[in-house]
Amino acid sequence: MPVTGGTELKVVGKSGQISLGKTYAGKAMRLERREDGSILLTAVALVPESQLWTLDAPHRSRIERGLAWAAETAPTETDVGVLLKRRVRRRGHTRGRRR
């Protein structure tokens, strides 16, 4: 991997911390300790548990099918009047709610 920012020497403070600079402030980092004693820090994106469903296999296949459908289907203009009529008809429907 090419080095983009050059090489720097960082000193670990008495509290065991190093400063990487404002570029990495607030970012999550993965720390990998290698057998040869080296340490590799990699910036990562954390996914909240509430969003993990997007990574599950059953949902992933549904998303892939939807994307494939969208790629094959020509876009058409939506008739808002038809959508509003459907909405009015479904108003009395209580899907999944208990009274």
PDB file of N, CA and C in Angstrom:
ATOM      1  N   MET A   1       0.835  -1.178   0.000  1.00  0.00           N
ATOM      2  CA  MET A   1       0.000   0.000   0.000  1.00  0.00           C
ATOM      3  C   MET A   1       0.884   1.246   0.000  1.00  0.00           C
ATOM      4  N   PRO A   2       0.608   2.203  -0.854  1.00  0.00           N
ATOM      5  CA  PRO A   2       1.440   3.395  -0.889  1.00  0.00           C
ATOM      6  C   PRO A   2       1.202   4.276   0.326  1.00  0.00           C
ATOM      7  N   VAL A   3       2.249   4.936   0.785  1.00  0.00           N
ATOM      8  CA  VAL A   3       2.144   5.869   1.899  1.00  0.00           C
ATOM      9  C   VAL A   3       1.746   7.214   1.313  1.00  0.00           C
ATOM     10  N   THR A   4       0.629   7.771   1.785  1.00  0.00           N
ATOM     11  CA  THR A   4       0.137   9.009   1.202  1.00  0.00           C
ATOM     12  C   THR A   4       0.571  10.240   1.983  1.00  0.00           C
ATOM     13  N   GLY A   5       0.766  10.107   3.285  1.00  0.00           N
ATOM     14  CA  GLY A   5       1.079  11.284   4.091  1.00  0.00           C
ATOM     15  C   GLY A   5       2.501  11.311   4.590  1.00  0.00           C
ATOM     16  N   GLY A   6       3.332  10.424   4.149  1.00  0.00           N
ATOM     17  CA  GLY A   6       4.694  10.388   4.645  1.00  0.00           C
ATOM     18  C   GLY A   6       4.809   9.593   5.926  1.00  0.00           C
ATOM     19  N   THR A   7       5.981   9.597   6.482  1.00  0.00           N
ATOM     20  CA  THR A   7       6.248   8.850   7.710  1.00  0.00           C
ATOM     21  C   THR A   7       6.438   9.828   8.860  1.00  0.00           C
ATOM     22  N   GLU A   8       5.873   9.493  10.003  1.00  0.00           N
ATOM     23  CA  GLU A   8       6.005  10.328  11.191  1.00  0.00           C
ATOM     24  C   GLU A   8       6.463   9.467  12.356  1.00  0.00           C
ATOM     25  N   LEU A   9       7.107  10.081  13.294  1.00  0.00           N
ATOM     26  CA  LEU A   9       7.511   9.407  14.518  1.00  0.00           C
ATOM     27  C   LEU A   9       6.603   9.906  15.629  1.00  0.00           C
ATOM     28  N   LYS A  10       5.926   9.003  16.294  1.00  0.00           N
ATOM     29  CA  LYS A  10       5.023   9.350  17.395  1.00  0.00           C
ATOM     30  C   LYS A  10       5.561   8.717  18.670  1.00  0.00           C
ATOM     31  N   VAL A  11       5.457   9.437  19.769  1.00  0.00           N
ATOM     32  CA  VAL A  11       5.920   8.936  21.061  1.00  0.00           C
ATOM     33  C   VAL A  11       4.696   8.655  21.921  1.00  0.00           C
ATOM     34  N   VAL A  12       4.669   7.472  22.515  1.00  0.00           N
ATOM     35  CA  VAL A  12       3.566   7.098  23.406  1.00  0.00           C
ATOM     36  C   VAL A  12       3.787   7.799  24.732  1.00  0.00           C
ATOM     37  N   GLY A  13       2.765   8.520  25.191  1.00  0.00           N
ATOM     38  CA  GLY A  13       2.858   9.253  26.449  1.00  0.00           C
ATOM     39  C   GLY A  13       2.780   8.324  27.651  1.00  0.00           C
ATOM     40  N   LYS A  14       2.952   8.900  28.845  1.00  0.00           N
ATOM     41  CA  LYS A  14       2.934   8.119  30.082  1.00  0.00           C
ATOM     42  C   LYS A  14       1.594   7.429  30.316  1.00  0.00           C
ATOM     43  N   SER A  15       0.534   7.984  29.763  1.00  0.00           N
ATOM     44  CA  SER A  15      -0.789   7.382  29.941  1.00  0.00           C
ATOM     45  C   SER A  15      -1.060   6.295  28.900  1.00  0.00           C
ATOM     46  N   GLY A  16      -0.099   6.063  27.988  1.00  0.00           N
ATOM     47  CA  GLY A  16      -0.272   5.022  26.976  1.00  0.00           C
ATOM     48  C   GLY A  16      -0.980   5.497  25.722  1.00  0.00           C
ATOM     49  N   GLN A  17      -1.080   6.809  25.554  1.00  0.00           N
ATOM     50  CA  GLN A  17      -1.792   7.353  24.405  1.00  0.00           C
ATOM     51  C   GLN A  17      -0.835   7.993  23.411  1.00  0.00           C
ATOM     52  N   ILE A  18      -1.273   8.016  22.144  1.00  0.00           N
ATOM     53  CA  ILE A  18      -0.570   8.765  21.113  1.00  0.00           C
ATOM     54  C   ILE A  18      -1.577   9.696  20.450  1.00  0.00           C
ATOM     55  N   SER A  19      -1.096  10.772  19.891  1.00  0.00           N
ATOM     56  CA  SER A  19      -1.967  11.704  19.182  1.00  0.00           C
ATOM     57  C   SER A  19      -1.736  11.530  17.695  1.00  0.00           C
ATOM     58  N   LEU A  20      -2.827  11.304  16.963  1.00  0.00           N
ATOM     59  CA  LEU A  20      -2.738  11.124  15.515  1.00  0.00           C
ATOM     60  C   LEU A  20      -3.055  12.411  14.765  1.00  0.00           C
ATOM     61  N   GLY A  21      -3.522  13.424  15.460  1.00  0.00           N
ATOM     62  CA  GLY A  21      -3.860  14.690  14.832  1.00  0.00           C
ATOM     63  C   GLY A  21      -5.350  14.838  14.620  1.00  0.00           C
ATOM     64  N   LYS A  22      -5.735  16.046  14.240  1.00  0.00           N
ATOM     65  CA  LYS A  22      -7.158  16.370  14.088  1.00  0.00           C
ATOM     66  C   LYS A  22      -7.829  15.611  12.949  1.00  0.00           C
ATOM     67  N   THR A  23      -7.058  15.132  12.006  1.00  0.00           N
ATOM     68  CA  THR A  23      -7.628  14.380  10.885  1.00  0.00           C
ATOM     69  C   THR A  23      -8.392  13.158  11.382  1.00  0.00           C
ATOM     70  N   TYR A  24      -7.929  12.532  12.426  1.00  0.00           N
ATOM     71  CA  TYR A  24      -8.538  11.302  12.933  1.00  0.00           C
ATOM     72  C   TYR A  24      -9.377  11.538  14.188  1.00  0.00           C
ATOM     73  N   ALA A  25      -9.564  12.778  14.591  1.00  0.00           N
ATOM     74  CA  ALA A  25     -10.316  13.087  15.810  1.00  0.00           C
ATOM     75  C   ALA A  25     -11.737  12.536  15.715  1.00  0.00           C
ATOM     76  N   GLY A  26     -12.154  11.775  16.713  1.00  0.00           N
ATOM     77  CA  GLY A  26     -13.507  11.247  16.784  1.00  0.00           C
ATOM     78  C   GLY A  26     -13.768  10.026  15.920  1.00  0.00           C
ATOM     79  N   LYS A  27     -12.786   9.569  15.186  1.00  0.00           N
ATOM     80  CA  LYS A  27     -12.985   8.407  14.313  1.00  0.00           C
ATOM     81  C   LYS A  27     -12.682   7.119  15.077  1.00  0.00           C
ATOM     82  N   ALA A  28     -13.376   6.057  14.700  1.00  0.00           N
ATOM     83  CA  ALA A  28     -13.135   4.740  15.283  1.00  0.00           C
ATOM     84  C   ALA A  28     -11.951   4.102  14.561  1.00  0.00           C
ATOM     85  N   MET A  29     -11.106   3.459  15.312  1.00  0.00           N
ATOM     86  CA  MET A  29      -9.908   2.838  14.754  1.00  0.00           C
ATOM     87  C   MET A  29      -9.844   1.374  15.186  1.00  0.00           C
ATOM     88  N   ARG A  30      -9.399   0.523  14.278  1.00  0.00           N
ATOM     89  CA  ARG A  30      -9.141  -0.880  14.609  1.00  0.00           C
ATOM     90  C   ARG A  30      -7.647  -1.020  14.868  1.00  0.00           C
ATOM     91  N   LEU A  31      -7.304  -1.595  16.008  1.00  0.00           N
ATOM     92  CA  LEU A  31      -5.908  -1.797  16.373  1.00  0.00           C
ATOM     93  C   LEU A  31      -5.572  -3.270  16.180  1.00  0.00           C
ATOM     94  N   GLU A  32      -4.599  -3.531  15.354  1.00  0.00           N
ATOM     95  CA  GLU A  32      -4.174  -4.902  15.085  1.00  0.00           C
ATOM     96  C   GLU A  32      -2.741  -5.067  15.567  1.00  0.00           C
ATOM     97  N   ARG A  33      -2.545  -5.958  16.518  1.00  0.00           N
ATOM     98  CA  ARG A  33      -1.199  -6.265  17.019  1.00  0.00           C
ATOM     99  C   ARG A  33      -0.674  -7.474  16.265  1.00  0.00           C
ATOM    100  N   ARG A  34       0.442  -7.306  15.611  1.00  0.00           N
ATOM    101  CA  ARG A  34       0.996  -8.383  14.797  1.00  0.00           C
ATOM    102  C   ARG A  34       2.062  -9.141  15.567  1.00  0.00           C
ATOM    103  N   GLU A  35       2.339 -10.366  15.092  1.00  0.00           N
ATOM    104  CA  GLU A  35       3.290 -11.244  15.772  1.00  0.00           C
ATOM    105  C   GLU A  35       4.693 -10.646  15.854  1.00  0.00           C
ATOM    106  N   ASP A  36       5.059  -9.844  14.855  1.00  0.00           N
ATOM    107  CA  ASP A  36       6.401  -9.267  14.852  1.00  0.00           C
ATOM    108  C   ASP A  36       6.525  -8.052  15.774  1.00  0.00           C
ATOM    109  N   GLY A  37       5.444  -7.727  16.502  1.00  0.00           N
ATOM    110  CA  GLY A  37       5.480  -6.605  17.443  1.00  0.00           C
ATOM    111  C   GLY A  37       4.971  -5.304  16.851  1.00  0.00           C
ATOM    112  N   SER A  38       4.705  -5.285  15.558  1.00  0.00           N
ATOM    113  CA  SER A  38       4.200  -4.057  14.953  1.00  0.00           C
ATOM    114  C   SER A  38       2.710  -3.904  15.247  1.00  0.00           C
ATOM    115  N   ILE A  39       2.244  -2.690  15.115  1.00  0.00           N
ATOM    116  CA  ILE A  39       0.841  -2.358  15.357  1.00  0.00           C
ATOM    117  C   ILE A  39       0.300  -1.677  14.105  1.00  0.00           C
ATOM    118  N   LEU A  40      -0.876  -2.100  13.687  1.00  0.00           N
ATOM    119  CA  LEU A  40      -1.515  -1.498  12.517  1.00  0.00           C
ATOM    120  C   LEU A  40      -2.820  -0.860  12.959  1.00  0.00           C
ATOM    121  N   LEU A  41      -2.959   0.449  12.720  1.00  0.00           N
ATOM    122  CA  LEU A  41      -4.198   1.167  13.002  1.00  0.00           C
ATOM    123  C   LEU A  41      -4.919   1.415  11.694  1.00  0.00           C
ATOM    124  N   THR A  42      -6.207   1.063  11.664  1.00  0.00           N
ATOM    125  CA  THR A  42      -7.003   1.259  10.465  1.00  0.00           C
ATOM    126  C   THR A  42      -8.288   1.980  10.837  1.00  0.00           C
ATOM    127  N   ALA A  43      -8.608   3.058  10.131  1.00  0.00           N
ATOM    128  CA  ALA A  43      -9.877   3.752  10.370  1.00  0.00           C
ATOM    129  C   ALA A  43     -11.022   2.861   9.898  1.00  0.00           C
ATOM    130  N   VAL A  44     -12.074   2.760  10.712  1.00  0.00           N
ATOM    131  CA  VAL A  44     -13.213   1.908  10.385  1.00  0.00           C
ATOM    132  C   VAL A  44     -14.506   2.702  10.548  1.00  0.00           C
ATOM    133  N   ALA A  45     -15.563   2.197   9.941  1.00  0.00           N
ATOM    134  CA  ALA A  45     -16.907   2.757  10.118  1.00  0.00           C
ATOM    135  C   ALA A  45     -17.694   1.783  10.982  1.00  0.00           C
ATOM    136  N   LEU A  46     -18.243   2.258  12.066  1.00  0.00           N
ATOM    137  CA  LEU A  46     -19.037   1.412  12.952  1.00  0.00           C
ATOM    138  C   LEU A  46     -20.490   1.427  12.500  1.00  0.00           C
ATOM    139  N   VAL A  47     -21.121   0.259  12.542  1.00  0.00           N
ATOM    140  CA  VAL A  47     -22.521   0.123  12.151  1.00  0.00           C
ATOM    141  C   VAL A  47     -23.336  -0.100  13.426  1.00  0.00           C
ATOM    142  N   PRO A  48     -24.289   0.790  13.707  1.00  0.00           N
ATOM    143  CA  PRO A  48     -25.131   0.601  14.901  1.00  0.00           C
ATOM    144  C   PRO A  48     -25.928  -0.698  14.799  1.00  0.00           C
ATOM    145  N   GLU A  49     -26.204  -1.316  15.942  1.00  0.00           N
ATOM    146  CA  GLU A  49     -26.956  -2.574  15.951  1.00  0.00           C
ATOM    147  C   GLU A  49     -28.293  -2.442  15.239  1.00  0.00           C
ATOM    148  N   SER A  50     -28.913  -1.282  15.353  1.00  0.00           N
ATOM    149  CA  SER A  50     -30.212  -1.093  14.716  1.00  0.00           C
ATOM    150  C   SER A  50     -30.117  -1.134  13.194  1.00  0.00           C
ATOM    151  N   GLN A  51     -28.921  -0.979  12.634  1.00  0.00           N
ATOM    152  CA  GLN A  51     -28.731  -1.003  11.194  1.00  0.00           C
ATOM    153  C   GLN A  51     -28.134  -2.316  10.695  1.00  0.00           C
ATOM    154  N   LEU A  52     -27.872  -3.258  11.597  1.00  0.00           N
ATOM    155  CA  LEU A  52     -27.253  -4.525  11.193  1.00  0.00           C
ATOM    156  C   LEU A  52     -28.136  -5.354  10.275  1.00  0.00           C
ATOM    157  N   TRP A  53     -29.443  -5.094  10.279  1.00  0.00           N
ATOM    158  CA  TRP A  53     -30.343  -5.854   9.405  1.00  0.00           C
ATOM    159  C   TRP A  53     -29.916  -5.721   7.954  1.00  0.00           C
ATOM    160  N   THR A  54     -29.277  -4.628   7.585  1.00  0.00           N
ATOM    161  CA  THR A  54     -28.866  -4.440   6.193  1.00  0.00           C
ATOM    162  C   THR A  54     -27.764  -5.410   5.797  1.00  0.00           C
ATOM    163  N   LEU A  55     -27.100  -6.013   6.792  1.00  0.00           N
ATOM    164  CA  LEU A  55     -26.014  -6.930   6.506  1.00  0.00           C
ATOM    165  C   LEU A  55     -26.447  -8.392   6.550  1.00  0.00           C
ATOM    166  N   ASP A  56     -27.673  -8.653   7.028  1.00  0.00           N
ATOM    167  CA  ASP A  56     -28.160 -10.028   7.125  1.00  0.00           C
ATOM    168  C   ASP A  56     -28.434 -10.606   5.738  1.00  0.00           C
ATOM    169  N   ALA A  57     -28.149 -11.886   5.561  1.00  0.00           N
ATOM    170  CA  ALA A  57     -28.292 -12.541   4.257  1.00  0.00           C
ATOM    171  C   ALA A  57     -29.711 -12.485   3.684  1.00  0.00           C
ATOM    172  N   PRO A  58     -30.785 -12.769   4.459  1.00  0.00           N
ATOM    173  CA  PRO A  58     -32.120 -12.737   3.861  1.00  0.00           C
ATOM    174  C   PRO A  58     -32.469 -11.347   3.319  1.00  0.00           C
ATOM    175  N   HIS A  59     -32.131 -10.315   4.065  1.00  0.00           N
ATOM    176  CA  HIS A  59     -32.440  -8.965   3.626  1.00  0.00           C
ATOM    177  C   HIS A  59     -31.546  -8.556   2.464  1.00  0.00           C
ATOM    178  N   ARG A  60     -30.305  -8.998   2.488  1.00  0.00           N
ATOM    179  CA  ARG A  60     -29.382  -8.651   1.421  1.00  0.00           C
ATOM    180  C   ARG A  60     -29.905  -9.165   0.085  1.00  0.00           C
ATOM    181  N   SER A  61     -30.445 -10.392   0.067  1.00  0.00           N
ATOM    182  CA  SER A  61     -30.961 -10.934  -1.188  1.00  0.00           C
ATOM    183  C   SER A  61     -32.185 -10.147  -1.647  1.00  0.00           C
ATOM    184  N   ARG A  62     -33.020  -9.672  -0.721  1.00  0.00           N
ATOM    185  CA  ARG A  62     -34.173  -8.855  -1.095  1.00  0.00           C
ATOM    186  C   ARG A  62     -33.720  -7.523  -1.677  1.00  0.00           C
ATOM    187  N   ILE A  63     -32.700  -6.950  -1.075  1.00  0.00           N
ATOM    188  CA  ILE A  63     -32.169  -5.686  -1.579  1.00  0.00           C
ATOM    189  C   ILE A  63     -31.575  -5.887  -2.969  1.00  0.00           C
ATOM    190  N   GLU A  64     -30.825  -6.974  -3.150  1.00  0.00           N
ATOM    191  CA  GLU A  64     -30.232  -7.252  -4.457  1.00  0.00           C
ATOM    192  C   GLU A  64     -31.311  -7.470  -5.522  1.00  0.00           C
ATOM    193  N   ARG A  65     -32.393  -8.179  -5.168  1.00  0.00           N
ATOM    194  CA  ARG A  65     -33.494  -8.379  -6.112  1.00  0.00           C
ATOM    195  C   ARG A  65     -34.149  -7.050  -6.470  1.00  0.00           C
ATOM    196  N   GLY A  66     -34.312  -6.198  -5.471  1.00  0.00           N
ATOM    197  CA  GLY A  66     -34.906  -4.885  -5.713  1.00  0.00           C
ATOM    198  C   GLY A  66     -34.037  -4.028  -6.618  1.00  0.00           C
ATOM    199  N   LEU A  67     -32.739  -4.063  -6.391  1.00  0.00           N
ATOM    200  CA  LEU A  67     -31.825  -3.302  -7.244  1.00  0.00           C
ATOM    201  C   LEU A  67     -31.821  -3.844  -8.668  1.00  0.00           C
ATOM    202  N   ALA A  68     -31.876  -5.164  -8.806  1.00  0.00           N
ATOM    203  CA  ALA A  68     -31.929  -5.769 -10.145  1.00  0.00           C
ATOM    204  C   ALA A  68     -33.221  -5.369 -10.844  1.00  0.00           C
ATOM    205  N   TRP A  69     -34.350  -5.386 -10.130  1.00  0.00           N
ATOM    206  CA  TRP A  69     -35.625  -4.973 -10.702  1.00  0.00           C
ATOM    207  C   TRP A  69     -35.552  -3.512 -11.161  1.00  0.00           C
ATOM    208  N   ALA A  70     -34.967  -2.648 -10.315  1.00  0.00           N
ATOM    209  CA  ALA A  70     -34.877  -1.231 -10.657  1.00  0.00           C
ATOM    210  C   ALA A  70     -34.009  -1.009 -11.887  1.00  0.00           C
ATOM    211  N   ALA A  71     -32.965  -1.821 -12.043  1.00  0.00           N
ATOM    212  CA  ALA A  71     -32.087  -1.680 -13.209  1.00  0.00           C
ATOM    213  C   ALA A  71     -32.791  -2.112 -14.489  1.00  0.00           C
ATOM    214  N   GLU A  72     -33.694  -3.099 -14.400  1.00  0.00           N
ATOM    215  CA  GLU A  72     -34.372  -3.639 -15.574  1.00  0.00           C
ATOM    216  C   GLU A  72     -35.672  -2.893 -15.914  1.00  0.00           C
ATOM    217  N   THR A  73     -36.235  -2.180 -14.951  1.00  0.00           N
ATOM    218  CA  THR A  73     -37.538  -1.552 -15.123  1.00  0.00           C
ATOM    219  C   THR A  73     -37.365  -0.070 -15.447  1.00  0.00           C
ATOM    220  N   ALA A  74     -37.999   0.340 -16.526  1.00  0.00           N
ATOM    221  CA  ALA A  74     -37.923   1.756 -16.922  1.00  0.00           C
ATOM    222  C   ALA A  74     -38.718   2.604 -15.937  1.00  0.00           C
ATOM    223  N   PRO A  75     -38.205   3.777 -15.581  1.00  0.00           N
ATOM    224  CA  PRO A  75     -38.944   4.647 -14.662  1.00  0.00           C
ATOM    225  C   PRO A  75     -40.191   5.206 -15.334  1.00  0.00           C
ATOM    226  N   THR A  76     -41.259   5.339 -14.564  1.00  0.00           N
ATOM    227  CA  THR A  76     -42.504   5.923 -15.070  1.00  0.00           C
ATOM    228  C   THR A  76     -42.981   6.976 -14.084  1.00  0.00           C
ATOM    229  N   GLU A  77     -43.750   7.912 -14.579  1.00  0.00           N
ATOM    230  CA  GLU A  77     -44.274   8.960 -13.713  1.00  0.00           C
ATOM    231  C   GLU A  77     -45.389   8.389 -12.848  1.00  0.00           C
ATOM    232  N   THR A  78     -45.394   8.752 -11.595  1.00  0.00           N
ATOM    233  CA  THR A  78     -46.394   8.262 -10.654  1.00  0.00           C
ATOM    234  C   THR A  78     -47.640   9.117 -10.724  1.00  0.00           C
ATOM    235  N   ASP A  79     -48.814   8.468 -10.733  1.00  0.00           N
ATOM    236  CA  ASP A  79     -50.086   9.174 -10.674  1.00  0.00           C
ATOM    237  C   ASP A  79     -50.447   9.330  -9.199  1.00  0.00           C
ATOM    238  N   VAL A  80     -50.227  10.518  -8.669  1.00  0.00           N
ATOM    239  CA  VAL A  80     -50.435  10.768  -7.244  1.00  0.00           C
ATOM    240  C   VAL A  80     -51.889  10.547  -6.852  1.00  0.00           C
ATOM    241  N   GLY A  81     -52.814  10.852  -7.742  1.00  0.00           N
ATOM    242  CA  GLY A  81     -54.239  10.650  -7.450  1.00  0.00           C
ATOM    243  C   GLY A  81     -54.553   9.203  -7.138  1.00  0.00           C
ATOM    244  N   VAL A  82     -53.967   8.265  -7.896  1.00  0.00           N
ATOM    245  CA  VAL A  82     -54.184   6.839  -7.657  1.00  0.00           C
ATOM    246  C   VAL A  82     -53.621   6.449  -6.287  1.00  0.00           C
ATOM    247  N   LEU A  83     -52.447   6.967  -5.959  1.00  0.00           N
ATOM    248  CA  LEU A  83     -51.852   6.650  -4.656  1.00  0.00           C
ATOM    249  C   LEU A  83     -52.714   7.166  -3.513  1.00  0.00           C
ATOM    250  N   LEU A  84     -53.266   8.368  -3.666  1.00  0.00           N
ATOM    251  CA  LEU A  84     -54.116   8.930  -2.615  1.00  0.00           C
ATOM    252  C   LEU A  84     -55.399   8.124  -2.455  1.00  0.00           C
ATOM    253  N   LYS A  85     -55.974   7.646  -3.551  1.00  0.00           N
ATOM    254  CA  LYS A  85     -57.185   6.824  -3.455  1.00  0.00           C
ATOM    255  C   LYS A  85     -56.894   5.528  -2.717  1.00  0.00           C
ATOM    256  N   ARG A  86     -55.728   4.911  -2.984  1.00  0.00           N
ATOM    257  CA  ARG A  86     -55.347   3.684  -2.266  1.00  0.00           C
ATOM    258  C   ARG A  86     -55.177   3.962  -0.780  1.00  0.00           C
ATOM    259  N   ARG A  87     -54.592   5.091  -0.449  1.00  0.00           N
ATOM    260  CA  ARG A  87     -54.362   5.462   0.945  1.00  0.00           C
ATOM    261  C   ARG A  87     -55.679   5.613   1.689  1.00  0.00           C
ATOM    262  N   VAL A  88     -56.664   6.233   1.053  1.00  0.00           N
ATOM    263  CA  VAL A  88     -57.966   6.433   1.691  1.00  0.00           C
ATOM    264  C   VAL A  88     -58.634   5.089   1.939  1.00  0.00           C
ATOM    265  N   ARG A  89     -58.548   4.168   0.990  1.00  0.00           N
ATOM    266  CA  ARG A  89     -59.164   2.856   1.155  1.00  0.00           C
ATOM    267  C   ARG A  89     -58.523   2.070   2.294  1.00  0.00           C
ATOM    268  N   ARG A  90     -57.239   2.228   2.503  1.00  0.00           N
ATOM    269  CA  ARG A  90     -56.539   1.453   3.517  1.00  0.00           C
ATOM    270  C   ARG A  90     -56.594   2.081   4.903  1.00  0.00           C
ATOM    271  N   ARG A  91     -57.192   3.249   5.034  1.00  0.00           N
ATOM    272  CA  ARG A  91     -57.168   3.972   6.288  1.00  0.00           C
ATOM    273  C   ARG A  91     -57.745   3.148   7.446  1.00  0.00           C
ATOM    274  N   GLY A  92     -58.804   2.382   7.219  1.00  0.00           N
ATOM    275  CA  GLY A  92     -59.426   1.604   8.274  1.00  0.00           C
ATOM    276  C   GLY A  92     -58.667   0.340   8.633  1.00  0.00           C
ATOM    277  N   HIS A  93     -57.712  -0.023   7.834  1.00  0.00           N
ATOM    278  CA  HIS A  93     -56.941  -1.244   8.053  1.00  0.00           C
ATOM    279  C   HIS A  93     -55.934  -1.060   9.195  1.00  0.00           C
ATOM    280  N   THR A  94     -55.964  -1.961  10.184  1.00  0.00           N
ATOM    281  CA  THR A  94     -55.032  -1.862  11.309  1.00  0.00           C
ATOM    282  C   THR A  94     -54.085  -3.052  11.264  1.00  0.00           C
ATOM    283  N   ARG A  95     -53.106  -2.953  10.425  1.00  0.00           N
ATOM    284  CA  ARG A  95     -52.149  -4.046  10.248  1.00  0.00           C
ATOM    285  C   ARG A  95     -51.244  -4.171  11.488  1.00  0.00           C
ATOM    286  N   GLY A  96     -51.313  -5.325  12.105  1.00  0.00           N
ATOM    287  CA  GLY A  96     -50.412  -5.625  13.211  1.00  0.00           C
ATOM    288  C   GLY A  96     -50.759  -4.954  14.537  1.00  0.00           C
ATOM    289  N   ARG A  97     -51.786  -4.133  14.566  1.00  0.00           N
ATOM    290  CA  ARG A  97     -52.140  -3.462  15.818  1.00  0.00           C
ATOM    291  C   ARG A  97     -53.240  -4.209  16.554  1.00  0.00           C
ATOM    292  N   ARG A  98     -53.126  -4.229  17.851  1.00  0.00           N
ATOM    293  CA  ARG A  98     -54.190  -4.812  18.663  1.00  0.00           C
ATOM    294  C   ARG A  98     -54.972  -3.691  19.310  1.00  0.00           C
ATOM    295  N   ARG A  99     -56.259  -3.881  19.405  1.00  0.00           N
ATOM    296  CA  ARG A  99     -57.091  -2.840  20.014  1.00  0.00           C
ATOM    297  C   ARG A  99     -57.467  -3.203  21.422  1.00  0.00           C
TER     298      ARG A  99
END
